[in-house]
Amino acid sequence: MTSIRINLLPHREEKRALQQKALVAMIVAAVLAALAIVIVGHITISGMQDRQTRRNDFLKQETAKLDKQIKEIAQLKGKTNALLDRKKIVEALQVNRAQTVHLFDELARQLPDGMYLKGVKQTGDKLTLTGFAQSSARVSTLMRNIESSRWLAAPRLIEVQAADQDKQRVNTFSLEAQQIVPTASPPAALGVAGTNKAGTP
């Protein structure tokens, strides 16, 4: 006699339980995947931020170096300009010294006998000569000599007055002239024209 077995287990409930387990497993897997994506993204963003921070720090350091170099260059330029200014002053002094030597030599050469300079005042290229002359004619001779000079020009008489000097009747004079620099100077030796012409009596 054949026996018939009947399975009384709740197949539907088991299937539903399996489906729920699978769903929970999928949800857990999705949550873990999302968490992993978030962690990886955070790590990636942090790494990018760190690299950018290092780049910014590097740029700041290089900018500071460049600023320092720019300041040093500016200081060097200032020192160079100061040296150039000093060089120009020294050159100008050398030129003025040579011109002064020529000026006094020329004054001694052009001063007629019987005339003595009491003072020479220079403002730029303008000269003011004061002194004593035995006569007004000698003042006229000095002015003609200035007109023909290579280093002096444009004489202008300011005044001539009679005065007593060492119990002698003389004329005090004051005149203006202009100092000029010739383009080519002769190789004649400089010297004092006479001891009785370049000083006060």
Protein backbone atom coordinates (compact mmCIF):
# COMPACT_ATOMS: atom_id res chain seq x y z
CA MET A 1 0.00 0.00 0.00
CA THR A 2 1.40 3.31 -1.10
CA SER A 3 1.55 6.21 1.41
CA ILE A 4 1.12 9.87 0.32
CA ARG A 5 3.30 12.55 2.02
CA ILE A 6 1.89 16.06 2.33
CA ASN A 7 4.33 18.98 3.05
CA LEU A 8 2.59 21.31 5.40
CA LEU A 9 5.45 23.94 5.61
CA PRO A 10 4.45 27.51 4.73
CA HIS A 11 6.23 27.86 1.37
CA ARG A 12 4.98 31.37 0.81
CA GLU A 13 6.27 32.65 4.12
CA GLU A 14 9.67 31.10 3.50
CA LYS A 15 9.84 32.65 0.07
CA ARG A 16 8.79 36.01 1.48
CA ALA A 17 11.45 35.73 4.21
CA LEU A 18 14.10 34.96 1.61
CA GLN A 19 13.02 37.95 -0.43
CA GLN A 20 13.20 40.17 2.64
CA LYS A 21 16.68 38.89 3.45
CA ALA A 22 17.78 39.54 -0.10
CA LEU A 23 16.28 43.05 0.05
CA VAL A 24 18.02 43.78 3.36
CA ALA A 25 21.27 42.46 1.92
CA MET A 26 20.89 44.75 -1.11
CA ILE A 27 20.12 47.71 1.11
CA VAL A 28 23.12 47.00 3.32
CA ALA A 29 25.28 46.58 0.23
CA ALA A 30 24.00 49.86 -1.19
CA VAL A 31 24.61 51.65 2.11
CA LEU A 32 28.11 50.20 2.33
CA ALA A 33 28.78 51.18 -1.31
CA ALA A 34 27.50 54.72 -0.69
CA LEU A 35 29.59 54.93 2.48
CA ALA A 36 32.62 53.71 0.59
CA ILE A 37 31.98 56.31 -2.13
CA VAL A 38 31.66 59.03 0.51
CA ILE A 39 34.87 57.95 2.23
CA VAL A 40 36.79 57.72 -1.05
CA GLY A 41 35.39 61.09 -2.12
CA HIS A 42 36.35 62.64 1.20
CA ILE A 43 39.86 61.21 0.98
CA THR A 44 40.18 62.42 -2.61
CA ILE A 45 38.93 65.91 -1.79
CA SER A 46 41.19 66.08 1.29
CA GLY A 47 44.14 65.06 -0.85
CA MET A 48 43.29 67.70 -3.43
CA GLN A 49 42.94 70.31 -0.68
CA ASP A 50 46.28 69.31 0.82
CA ARG A 51 47.96 69.53 -2.58
CA GLN A 52 46.38 72.91 -3.21
CA THR A 53 47.43 74.08 0.25
CA ARG A 54 50.99 72.97 -0.45
CA ARG A 55 50.87 74.78 -3.79
CA ASN A 56 49.57 77.93 -2.12
CA ASP A 57 52.31 77.74 0.52
CA PHE A 58 54.91 77.24 -2.20
CA LEU A 59 53.57 80.22 -4.14
CA LYS A 60 53.61 82.33 -0.98
CA GLN A 61 57.22 81.37 -0.29
CA GLU A 62 58.26 82.11 -3.87
CA THR A 63 56.37 85.41 -3.79
CA ALA A 64 58.16 86.35 -0.57
CA LYS A 65 61.51 85.48 -2.21
CA LEU A 66 60.62 87.58 -5.25
CA ASP A 67 59.58 90.50 -3.03
CA LYS A 68 62.90 90.25 -1.22
CA GLN A 69 64.80 90.15 -4.50
CA ILE A 70 62.81 93.13 -5.80
CA LYS A 71 63.70 95.09 -2.66
CA GLU A 72 67.36 94.16 -3.07
CA ILE A 73 67.26 95.20 -6.73
CA ALA A 74 65.63 98.50 -5.75
CA GLN A 75 68.35 99.06 -3.15
CA LEU A 76 71.03 98.24 -5.71
CA LYS A 77 69.44 100.66 -8.17
CA GLY A 78 69.38 103.33 -5.47
CA LYS A 79 73.06 102.72 -4.68
CA THR A 80 73.89 102.74 -8.40
CA ASN A 81 72.05 106.02 -8.90
CA ALA A 82 73.81 107.50 -5.88
CA LEU A 83 77.18 106.42 -7.26
CA LEU A 84 76.31 107.87 -10.66
CA ASP A 85 75.26 111.14 -9.02
CA ARG A 86 78.54 111.24 -7.10
CA LYS A 87 80.43 110.50 -10.30
CA LYS A 88 78.64 113.37 -12.04
CA ILE A 89 79.45 115.69 -9.13
CA VAL A 90 83.12 114.67 -9.19
CA GLU A 91 83.27 115.15 -12.96
CA ALA A 92 81.56 118.52 -12.65
CA LEU A 93 84.01 119.54 -9.92
CA GLN A 94 86.93 118.49 -12.09
CA VAL A 95 85.56 120.47 -15.02
CA ASN A 96 84.85 123.48 -12.80
CA ARG A 97 88.32 123.26 -11.29
CA ALA A 98 89.89 123.30 -14.75
CA GLN A 99 87.63 126.17 -15.80
CA THR A 100 88.53 128.08 -12.64
CA VAL A 101 92.23 127.71 -13.42
CA HIS A 102 91.63 128.96 -16.95
CA LEU A 103 89.47 131.80 -15.64
CA PHE A 104 92.05 133.18 -13.23
CA ASP A 105 94.83 132.71 -15.77
CA GLU A 106 92.77 134.60 -18.36
CA LEU A 107 91.96 137.39 -15.90
CA ALA A 108 95.66 137.76 -15.11
CA ARG A 109 96.49 137.86 -18.82
CA GLN A 110 93.81 140.39 -19.78
CA LEU A 111 94.30 142.73 -16.81
CA PRO A 112 96.22 145.82 -18.00
CA ASP A 113 99.13 147.28 -16.09
CA GLY A 114 98.07 149.73 -13.43
CA MET A 115 94.95 147.73 -12.51
CA TYR A 116 94.39 145.53 -9.48
CA LEU A 117 91.49 143.21 -8.71
CA LYS A 118 89.94 143.45 -5.28
CA GLY A 119 87.31 140.77 -5.75
CA VAL A 120 85.91 138.27 -8.21
CA LYS A 121 82.37 136.98 -7.69
CA GLN A 122 80.92 134.23 -9.87
CA THR A 123 77.26 133.27 -10.16
CA GLY A 124 76.85 130.57 -12.77
CA ASP A 125 78.70 131.90 -15.80
CA LYS A 126 78.31 135.51 -14.69
CA LEU A 127 81.35 137.29 -13.22
CA THR A 128 81.48 140.49 -11.19
CA LEU A 129 84.91 142.11 -11.05
CA THR A 130 85.83 144.85 -8.62
CA GLY A 131 89.17 146.55 -8.18
CA PHE A 132 91.36 149.65 -8.58
CA ALA A 133 92.67 151.36 -11.73
CA GLN A 134 95.06 154.24 -12.18
CA SER A 135 92.67 155.76 -14.73
CA SER A 136 89.30 155.12 -16.34
CA ALA A 137 91.10 154.50 -19.63
CA ARG A 138 92.59 151.33 -18.18
CA VAL A 139 89.06 150.14 -17.34
CA SER A 140 88.14 150.65 -21.00
CA THR A 141 91.24 148.66 -22.00
CA LEU A 142 90.18 145.81 -19.70
CA MET A 143 86.73 145.74 -21.29
CA ARG A 144 88.25 145.61 -24.79
CA ASN A 145 90.54 142.79 -23.66
CA ILE A 146 87.54 140.89 -22.31
CA GLU A 147 85.74 141.28 -25.62
CA SER A 148 88.68 139.74 -27.48
CA SER A 149 89.22 136.96 -24.92
CA ARG A 150 88.47 133.28 -25.63
CA TRP A 151 87.30 132.67 -22.06
CA LEU A 152 85.46 135.92 -21.32
CA ALA A 153 82.76 137.88 -23.12
CA ALA A 154 80.04 140.53 -22.81
CA PRO A 155 81.72 143.08 -20.50
CA ARG A 156 79.35 145.58 -18.89
CA LEU A 157 80.57 148.48 -16.78
CA ILE A 158 78.65 148.99 -13.57
CA GLU A 159 80.47 152.00 -12.10
CA VAL A 160 83.77 153.87 -11.93
CA GLN A 161 84.46 156.18 -9.00
CA ALA A 162 87.44 158.26 -7.96
CA ALA A 163 88.96 157.30 -4.61
CA ASP A 164 92.14 157.63 -2.53
CA GLN A 165 94.28 154.52 -2.06
CA ASP A 166 97.54 154.70 -0.11
CA LYS A 167 97.55 158.49 -0.55
CA GLN A 168 97.19 158.07 -4.29
CA ARG A 169 94.30 159.11 -6.50
CA VAL A 170 92.84 155.99 -8.12
CA ASN A 171 89.57 154.84 -9.63
CA THR A 172 87.52 152.04 -8.13
CA PHE A 173 85.61 150.06 -10.72
CA SER A 174 83.00 147.38 -10.88
CA LEU A 175 82.04 145.53 -14.05
CA GLU A 176 80.34 142.35 -15.14
CA ALA A 177 81.44 139.76 -17.71
CA GLN A 178 80.42 136.32 -18.85
CA GLN A 179 82.61 133.25 -18.63
CA ILE A 180 82.60 131.07 -21.75
CA VAL A 181 84.24 127.74 -22.54
CA PRO A 182 85.92 127.63 -25.96
CA THR A 183 85.42 124.53 -28.06
CA ALA A 184 89.17 123.97 -28.42
CA SER A 185 91.78 125.42 -26.11
CA PRO A 186 95.37 126.10 -27.28
CA PRO A 187 98.17 124.04 -25.70
CA ALA A 188 99.73 127.15 -24.17
CA ALA A 189 100.96 126.66 -20.64
CA LEU A 190 98.91 128.25 -17.92
CA GLY A 191 100.65 130.78 -15.73
CA VAL A 192 100.27 134.02 -13.85
CA ALA A 193 100.84 137.03 -16.08
CA GLY A 194 102.40 139.15 -13.39
CA THR A 195 102.56 139.52 -9.64
CA ASN A 196 101.37 143.12 -9.86
CA LYS A 197 98.11 142.11 -11.67
CA ALA A 198 96.51 139.28 -9.71
CA GLY A 199 96.13 140.66 -6.22
CA THR A 200 95.31 143.66 -4.14
CA PRO A 201 97.98 146.37 -3.99
